[in-house]
Amino acid sequence: MIKYIGSKRTLIPVILDAVRRASDAHSVIDLFSGTSRVGHALKGAGYRVLSNDHNAYAATLARCYVQADAEDVLEDAKKLVREFNGIKGEPGYFTDTFCVKSRFFQPKNGARVDAIREAIAAKGLEPELEAVMLVSLMEAADRVDSTTGLQMAYLKTWAARAHNDIELRVPEVLPRAKHGKGQATCLDALEAAKLLEADVAYIDPPYNQHSYLGNYHAWESLVRWDKPEVYGIACKRIDVRQRQSIFNSRPQFAGVMRKLLAAVRAPVLVVSFNNEGYLAREEMESMLAALWDGQGKVTTIENEFKRYVGAQIGIYNPQGQKVGKISHLNNKEYVYVVSRECLAEKLAPMQAAPVDQMGLFV
């Protein structure tokens, strides 16, 4: 899947185990689905997953990895991948914006993205198959980009992978889950919390002021294909300035988080949050304990992991000069599990488990 800050790749075993131990669940809500790594893993474990994200690229990833089932789309996807890999490049909006005005991709690959994206649009595919093909193109472009994983800026010199030719692959679409077909929505998290209902809710909100739309604006434009006006060196979509999430606001975060938790329609909540986020561990535990008129029983699982590569490299000014110092290389990720029932005994073995350098349980 695509490079993504905040990805829960290394936490997936912890999250799956928490869901399994905390409840005899058949269904799980994922309110901030991102790349759908967690939703994909939950589907693979047999759960019916209801994924949501307010960004179109993330909702498309969820439509591919959670909602679409292999038995319905895989054969057609294989044929289309072969067809699209034979398309020659034709420079257009994507090339001009992300290869000429900015330098995220080599022009030869930008031209292929333009041509393939136009071909997908011309096919008039059913929504799930279209999502699979858009994800195939998104992931192919991600494999030849020239960034550290964010689309806030591009590297001063081309990344080695950027010289490779773009090539589509069939995404890892899973068969339908044992407990039912998944669902992908593209709603504000508060609205989704009021509409979706399941046995468990997994909640992984933004930790700070950085907008995921701003961090991955090229994918939003690729999926929407609305060819918007852009601004700045990174050629961000103009609506990055307008479509701001309240969850990125420090003054408003605690209030909106309380509102969201109160609206969630699930008897068990699993919440991921970072030690550098807007809420300290004690604040989050207190907020969760206040659920259900103060009946919330909270168990916290602590995990240490390396910070994303951009934080390890350091911060540079527009002239390419390194500024400031790297304060630390590791972070802590907390997984909070809350229900009306005390789950500490069920989850206790997880809290003392050692982690390797990548943050996986060993």
Protein backbone atom coordinates (compact mmCIF):
# COMPACT_ATOMS: atom_id res chain seq x y z
CA MET A 1 0.00 0.00 0.00
CA ILE A 2 1.04 3.64 -0.35
CA LYS A 3 3.59 5.33 1.89
CA TYR A 4 1.61 7.10 4.60
CA ILE A 5 2.43 8.98 7.77
CA GLY A 6 0.40 7.60 10.65
CA SER A 7 0.11 4.19 8.99
CA LYS A 8 -0.79 1.44 11.45
CA ARG A 9 1.20 -1.24 9.61
CA THR A 10 3.25 -2.15 12.68
CA LEU A 11 0.27 -1.91 15.04
CA ILE A 12 -2.04 -4.22 13.12
CA PRO A 13 -1.26 -7.34 15.22
CA VAL A 14 -2.00 -5.34 18.37
CA ILE A 15 -5.26 -3.93 17.02
CA LEU A 16 -6.48 -7.30 15.74
CA ASP A 17 -5.67 -8.95 19.05
CA ALA A 18 -7.40 -6.19 21.00
CA VAL A 19 -10.57 -6.52 18.91
CA ARG A 20 -10.51 -10.31 19.25
CA ARG A 21 -9.96 -10.33 23.01
CA ALA A 22 -12.25 -7.44 23.87
CA SER A 23 -15.41 -8.69 22.21
CA ASP A 24 -17.02 -11.60 20.43
CA ALA A 25 -17.43 -9.22 17.50
CA HIS A 26 -18.66 -9.79 13.97
CA SER A 27 -18.45 -6.17 12.75
CA VAL A 28 -16.05 -3.24 13.16
CA ILE A 29 -16.35 0.46 12.29
CA ASP A 30 -13.17 2.25 11.11
CA LEU A 31 -13.98 5.96 11.32
CA PHE A 32 -10.66 7.37 10.01
CA SER A 33 -9.68 4.68 7.54
CA GLY A 34 -6.70 6.33 5.78
CA THR A 35 -4.96 3.72 3.61
CA SER A 36 -7.32 1.00 4.93
CA ARG A 37 -4.45 -1.12 6.24
CA VAL A 38 -6.44 -1.78 9.41
CA GLY A 39 -9.72 -2.34 7.59
CA HIS A 40 -8.04 -4.72 5.15
CA ALA A 41 -6.55 -6.72 8.03
CA LEU A 42 -9.88 -6.82 9.88
CA LYS A 43 -11.63 -8.02 6.72
CA GLY A 44 -8.96 -10.69 6.31
CA ALA A 45 -9.69 -11.82 9.87
CA GLY A 46 -13.37 -12.32 8.95
CA TYR A 47 -14.98 -9.16 10.32
CA ARG A 48 -17.55 -7.12 8.43
CA VAL A 49 -15.84 -3.74 8.20
CA LEU A 50 -17.54 -0.36 7.83
CA SER A 51 -14.82 2.06 6.72
CA ASN A 52 -15.08 5.83 6.55
CA ASP A 53 -12.83 8.73 5.63
CA HIS A 54 -13.69 12.27 4.54
CA ASN A 55 -10.95 12.38 1.87
CA ALA A 56 -11.86 10.91 -1.53
CA TYR A 57 -8.56 9.10 -2.02
CA ALA A 58 -8.94 7.33 1.34
CA ALA A 59 -12.57 6.41 0.65
CA THR A 60 -11.41 4.98 -2.70
CA LEU A 61 -8.76 2.88 -0.94
CA ALA A 62 -11.49 1.58 1.39
CA ARG A 63 -13.82 0.82 -1.53
CA CYS A 64 -11.01 -1.30 -2.99
CA TYR A 65 -9.66 -2.99 0.12
CA VAL A 66 -12.78 -3.24 2.30
CA GLN A 67 -15.92 -3.03 0.16
CA ALA A 68 -14.84 -4.76 -3.07
CA ASP A 69 -14.61 -8.56 -2.95
CA ALA A 70 -12.17 -10.63 -4.99
CA GLU A 71 -14.87 -12.90 -6.39
CA ASP A 72 -16.62 -9.87 -7.92
CA VAL A 73 -13.77 -7.78 -9.34
CA LEU A 74 -10.51 -9.68 -9.56
CA GLU A 75 -10.80 -11.23 -13.03
CA ASP A 76 -11.86 -7.93 -14.62
CA ALA A 77 -9.11 -6.09 -12.72
CA LYS A 78 -6.44 -8.45 -14.08
CA LYS A 79 -7.60 -7.84 -17.66
CA LEU A 80 -7.67 -4.07 -17.18
CA VAL A 81 -4.21 -4.00 -15.61
CA ARG A 82 -2.81 -5.80 -18.67
CA GLU A 83 -4.65 -3.40 -20.97
CA PHE A 84 -3.62 -0.23 -19.14
CA ASN A 85 0.02 -1.29 -18.85
CA GLY A 86 0.13 -1.19 -22.65
CA ILE A 87 -1.04 2.44 -22.85
CA LYS A 88 1.50 5.02 -24.03
CA GLY A 89 1.96 8.25 -22.12
CA GLU A 90 0.06 11.42 -23.04
CA PRO A 91 1.03 14.49 -20.94
CA GLY A 92 -1.85 16.36 -19.37
CA TYR A 93 -2.90 17.94 -16.08
CA PHE A 94 -1.03 15.48 -13.86
CA THR A 95 2.24 15.88 -15.79
CA ASP A 96 2.01 19.66 -15.88
CA THR A 97 1.14 19.94 -12.19
CA PHE A 98 3.29 17.28 -10.54
CA CYS A 99 6.19 16.87 -12.99
CA VAL A 100 6.70 20.35 -14.50
CA LYS A 101 5.39 22.94 -12.03
CA SER A 102 6.58 20.67 -9.20
CA ARG A 103 8.81 17.60 -9.27
CA PHE A 104 7.10 14.72 -7.53
CA PHE A 105 7.36 12.37 -10.53
CA GLN A 106 9.44 12.00 -13.67
CA PRO A 107 7.56 13.45 -16.70
CA LYS A 108 7.59 10.07 -18.45
CA ASN A 109 5.64 8.60 -15.53
CA GLY A 110 3.37 11.61 -15.21
CA ALA A 111 2.38 11.19 -18.85
CA ARG A 112 1.51 7.54 -18.23
CA VAL A 113 -0.59 8.52 -15.19
CA ASP A 114 -2.47 11.07 -17.33
CA ALA A 115 -3.17 8.56 -20.09
CA ILE A 116 -4.22 5.73 -17.78
CA ARG A 117 -6.41 7.98 -15.63
CA GLU A 118 -8.23 9.23 -18.73
CA ALA A 119 -8.69 5.62 -19.86
CA ILE A 120 -10.21 4.67 -16.49
CA ALA A 121 -12.61 7.62 -16.72
CA ALA A 122 -13.60 6.65 -20.27
CA LYS A 123 -14.48 3.07 -19.25
CA GLY A 124 -17.43 4.06 -17.04
CA LEU A 125 -16.63 1.18 -14.66
CA GLU A 126 -18.83 0.06 -11.79
CA PRO A 127 -17.77 1.87 -8.56
CA GLU A 128 -15.97 -1.07 -6.92
CA LEU A 129 -14.01 -2.05 -10.03
CA GLU A 130 -13.21 1.60 -10.71
CA ALA A 131 -11.87 1.92 -7.14
CA VAL A 132 -9.64 -1.12 -7.66
CA MET A 133 -8.19 0.40 -10.84
CA LEU A 134 -7.70 3.82 -9.25
CA VAL A 135 -5.87 2.20 -6.34
CA SER A 136 -3.73 0.23 -8.78
CA LEU A 137 -2.75 3.50 -10.47
CA MET A 138 -2.24 5.35 -7.18
CA GLU A 139 0.03 2.63 -5.82
CA ALA A 140 1.95 2.41 -9.10
CA ALA A 141 2.61 6.17 -8.95
CA ASP A 142 3.60 5.93 -5.29
CA ARG A 143 6.28 3.35 -6.19
CA VAL A 144 8.00 5.85 -8.51
CA ASP A 145 7.57 9.11 -6.58
CA SER A 146 10.39 11.31 -5.27
CA THR A 147 9.35 12.19 -1.70
CA THR A 148 9.97 11.03 1.86
CA GLY A 149 6.37 9.86 2.06
CA LEU A 150 4.58 13.21 2.19
CA GLN A 151 3.45 15.44 -0.66
CA MET A 152 4.38 18.59 1.24
CA ALA A 153 7.64 18.73 -0.74
CA TYR A 154 9.80 16.69 -3.09
CA LEU A 155 13.44 15.62 -2.86
CA LYS A 156 16.19 17.95 -4.10
CA THR A 157 17.55 15.18 -6.33
CA TRP A 158 15.54 12.37 -7.88
CA ALA A 159 14.95 9.31 -5.71
CA ALA A 160 16.37 6.17 -7.33
CA ARG A 161 12.88 4.69 -7.68
CA ALA A 162 11.68 7.75 -9.61
CA HIS A 163 13.68 6.61 -12.65
CA ASN A 164 11.73 3.34 -12.86
CA ASP A 165 8.88 3.02 -15.33
CA ILE A 166 5.41 3.07 -13.83
CA GLU A 167 3.69 -0.31 -13.87
CA LEU A 168 0.23 -1.23 -12.59
CA ARG A 169 -0.31 -4.28 -10.40
CA VAL A 170 -3.52 -5.87 -9.22
CA PRO A 171 -4.23 -4.75 -5.63
CA GLU A 172 -4.58 -7.40 -2.93
CA VAL A 173 -8.37 -7.51 -2.95
CA LEU A 174 -9.70 -10.07 -0.45
CA PRO A 175 -12.66 -12.43 -0.73
CA ARG A 176 -15.83 -11.40 1.08
CA ALA A 177 -15.40 -11.58 4.85
CA LYS A 178 -16.96 -14.41 6.82
CA HIS A 179 -19.31 -12.01 8.65
CA GLY A 180 -20.52 -10.05 5.63
CA LYS A 181 -19.75 -7.56 2.90
CA GLY A 182 -17.84 -4.45 3.89
CA GLN A 183 -18.85 -0.87 3.26
CA ALA A 184 -16.91 2.31 2.42
CA THR A 185 -18.25 5.81 3.00
CA CYS A 186 -16.81 9.28 2.44
CA LEU A 187 -18.33 11.29 5.29
CA ASP A 188 -17.27 13.65 8.03
CA ALA A 189 -16.34 11.47 11.00
CA LEU A 190 -19.06 12.95 13.23
CA GLU A 191 -21.71 12.23 10.62
CA ALA A 192 -20.40 8.69 10.08
CA ALA A 193 -20.36 8.02 13.83
CA LYS A 194 -24.09 8.77 13.98
CA LEU A 195 -24.95 6.56 10.99
CA LEU A 196 -22.72 3.49 11.33
CA GLU A 197 -23.28 0.77 13.93
CA ALA A 198 -21.15 -2.26 14.78
CA ASP A 199 -19.85 -4.45 17.60
CA VAL A 200 -16.53 -2.57 17.83
CA ALA A 201 -15.42 0.89 16.68
CA TYR A 202 -11.79 1.53 15.80
CA ILE A 203 -10.91 5.23 16.06
CA ASP A 204 -7.62 6.66 14.81
CA PRO A 205 -8.07 10.44 14.59
CA PRO A 206 -5.43 12.96 13.44
CA TYR A 207 -2.89 13.72 16.17
CA ASN A 208 -1.90 17.25 15.26
CA GLN A 209 -2.34 20.22 12.90
CA HIS A 210 -1.12 18.52 9.74
CA SER A 211 -3.88 17.97 7.18
CA TYR A 212 -4.00 14.59 5.48
CA LEU A 213 -5.56 16.31 2.49
CA GLY A 214 -2.53 18.60 2.36
CA ASN A 215 -0.11 15.74 2.90
CA TYR A 216 -1.61 13.64 0.07
CA HIS A 217 -3.19 16.21 -2.22
CA ALA A 218 -1.83 14.55 -5.39
CA TRP A 219 -3.81 11.38 -4.61
CA GLU A 220 -6.95 13.45 -3.99
CA SER A 221 -6.57 15.08 -7.41
CA LEU A 222 -5.78 11.75 -9.06
CA VAL A 223 -8.94 10.15 -7.65
CA ARG A 224 -11.31 13.08 -8.11
CA TRP A 225 -9.78 13.99 -11.51
CA ASP A 226 -11.27 17.43 -11.17
CA LYS A 227 -8.01 19.15 -12.28
CA PRO A 228 -8.22 21.92 -9.67
CA GLU A 229 -6.34 25.17 -9.37
CA VAL A 230 -3.19 24.75 -7.27
CA TYR A 231 -0.90 26.92 -5.14
CA GLY A 232 2.62 26.92 -3.71
CA ILE A 233 5.78 25.00 -4.50
CA ALA A 234 4.06 21.67 -3.75
CA CYS A 235 1.15 22.55 -6.08
CA LYS A 236 -1.49 21.76 -3.48
CA ARG A 237 -5.16 21.79 -4.41
CA ILE A 238 -6.72 25.16 -3.70
CA ASP A 239 -9.34 23.47 -1.50
CA VAL A 240 -6.64 22.34 0.94
CA ARG A 241 -7.08 25.84 2.37
CA GLN A 242 -10.84 25.43 2.59
CA ARG A 243 -11.54 21.78 3.49
CA GLN A 244 -9.95 21.89 6.92
CA SER A 245 -10.77 19.27 9.53
CA ILE A 246 -11.73 20.35 13.02
CA PHE A 247 -9.68 17.39 14.26
CA ASN A 248 -6.53 19.28 13.16
CA SER A 249 -7.32 22.17 15.51
CA ARG A 250 -5.57 22.12 18.89
CA PRO A 251 -8.11 24.44 20.62
CA GLN A 252 -11.07 22.42 19.33
CA PHE A 253 -9.73 18.88 19.38
CA ALA A 254 -10.75 17.84 22.90
CA GLY A 255 -14.31 19.09 22.44
CA VAL A 256 -14.86 17.43 19.07
CA MET A 257 -13.27 14.20 20.30
CA ARG A 258 -15.71 14.05 23.22
CA LYS A 259 -18.57 14.68 20.82
CA LEU A 260 -17.37 11.94 18.49
CA LEU A 261 -16.91 9.35 21.26
CA ALA A 262 -20.39 10.08 22.60
CA ALA A 263 -21.89 9.58 19.14
CA VAL A 264 -20.19 6.26 18.30
CA ARG A 265 -22.66 3.38 18.06
CA ALA A 266 -20.60 0.46 19.37
CA PRO A 267 -20.28 -1.18 22.82
CA VAL A 268 -16.47 -1.50 22.55
CA LEU A 269 -14.07 1.19 21.36
CA VAL A 270 -10.44 0.73 20.32
CA VAL A 271 -8.64 4.07 20.03
CA SER A 272 -5.14 4.74 18.65
CA PHE A 273 -3.34 7.90 19.69
CA ASN A 274 0.23 9.17 19.69
CA ASN A 275 2.17 10.54 22.65
CA GLU A 276 2.89 13.69 20.57
CA GLY A 277 -0.82 14.26 19.91
CA TYR A 278 -3.08 16.97 21.28
CA LEU A 279 -4.19 14.82 24.23
CA ALA A 280 -1.82 13.31 26.80
CA ARG A 281 -2.38 9.73 27.92
CA GLU A 282 -4.05 10.82 31.17
CA GLU A 283 -6.44 13.13 29.31
CA MET A 284 -7.46 10.44 26.84
CA GLU A 285 -7.98 7.86 29.58
CA SER A 286 -10.14 10.31 31.53
CA MET A 287 -12.20 11.14 28.42
CA LEU A 288 -12.81 7.47 27.67
CA ALA A 289 -13.64 6.62 31.27
CA ALA A 290 -16.37 9.29 31.19
CA LEU A 291 -18.29 7.38 28.49
CA TRP A 292 -21.66 5.82 29.28
CA ASP A 293 -22.24 8.16 32.25
CA GLY A 294 -18.84 7.37 33.74
CA GLN A 295 -19.06 3.60 33.28
CA GLY A 296 -16.21 3.35 30.76
CA LYS A 297 -13.51 0.87 31.76
CA VAL A 298 -10.22 1.67 30.03
CA THR A 299 -7.21 -0.53 29.32
CA THR A 300 -4.14 1.08 27.73
CA ILE A 301 -1.60 -0.79 25.60
CA GLU A 302 1.69 1.07 25.06
CA ASN A 303 3.88 0.60 21.99
CA GLU A 304 7.16 2.25 21.01
CA PHE A 305 8.14 2.75 17.37
CA LYS A 306 10.43 4.76 15.11
CA ARG A 307 9.27 8.14 13.85
CA TYR A 308 8.59 8.56 10.14
CA VAL A 309 11.61 9.03 7.89
CA GLY A 310 11.10 12.77 7.42
CA ALA A 311 11.42 13.33 11.16
CA GLN A 312 14.60 11.23 11.23
CA ILE A 313 16.19 13.18 8.37
CA GLY A 314 15.43 16.57 9.96
CA ILE A 315 13.85 19.85 8.89
CA TYR A 316 15.16 21.93 5.96
CA ASN A 317 14.35 25.48 4.92
CA PRO A 318 13.35 26.45 1.33
CA GLN A 319 17.06 26.95 0.48
CA GLY A 320 17.79 23.32 1.34
CA GLN A 321 19.65 24.14 4.55
CA LYS A 322 19.10 21.98 7.60
CA VAL A 323 17.53 23.94 10.45
CA GLY A 324 16.92 22.95 14.04
CA LYS A 325 17.83 19.70 15.72
CA ILE A 326 16.30 16.24 15.72
CA SER A 327 14.84 15.97 19.21
CA HIS A 328 14.10 12.23 19.27
CA LEU A 329 13.81 9.23 16.96
CA ASN A 330 11.12 7.18 18.72
CA ASN A 331 7.48 7.82 19.63
CA LYS A 332 4.88 5.98 21.66
CA GLU A 333 1.58 4.83 20.24
CA TYR A 334 -1.17 4.09 22.73
CA VAL A 335 -4.00 1.70 21.96
CA TYR A 336 -6.90 2.34 24.35
CA VAL A 337 -9.63 -0.26 24.72
CA VAL A 338 -12.82 0.83 26.49
CA SER A 339 -16.15 -0.80 27.28
CA ARG A 340 -18.59 -1.01 30.15
CA GLU A 341 -16.88 -4.23 31.19
CA CYS A 342 -13.37 -4.22 32.70
CA LEU A 343 -11.12 -5.82 30.07
CA ALA A 344 -7.78 -5.49 31.86
CA GLU A 345 -7.55 -9.21 32.60
CA LYS A 346 -8.30 -10.18 29.00
CA LEU A 347 -5.79 -7.68 27.61
CA ALA A 348 -3.10 -7.89 30.30
CA PRO A 349 -0.69 -10.18 28.41
CA MET A 350 -0.50 -7.64 25.58
CA GLN A 351 0.79 -4.80 27.72
CA ALA A 352 4.11 -6.38 28.67
CA ALA A 353 4.94 -7.78 25.23
CA PRO A 354 8.37 -6.67 23.94
CA VAL A 355 8.69 -4.82 20.64
CA ASP A 356 11.39 -4.93 18.01
CA GLN A 357 12.81 -1.82 16.31
CA MET A 358 9.94 -1.62 13.85
CA GLY A 359 7.35 -1.66 16.64
CA LEU A 360 5.99 -5.15 16.00
CA PHE A 361 5.29 -7.54 18.83
CA VAL A 362 7.81 -10.38 18.97
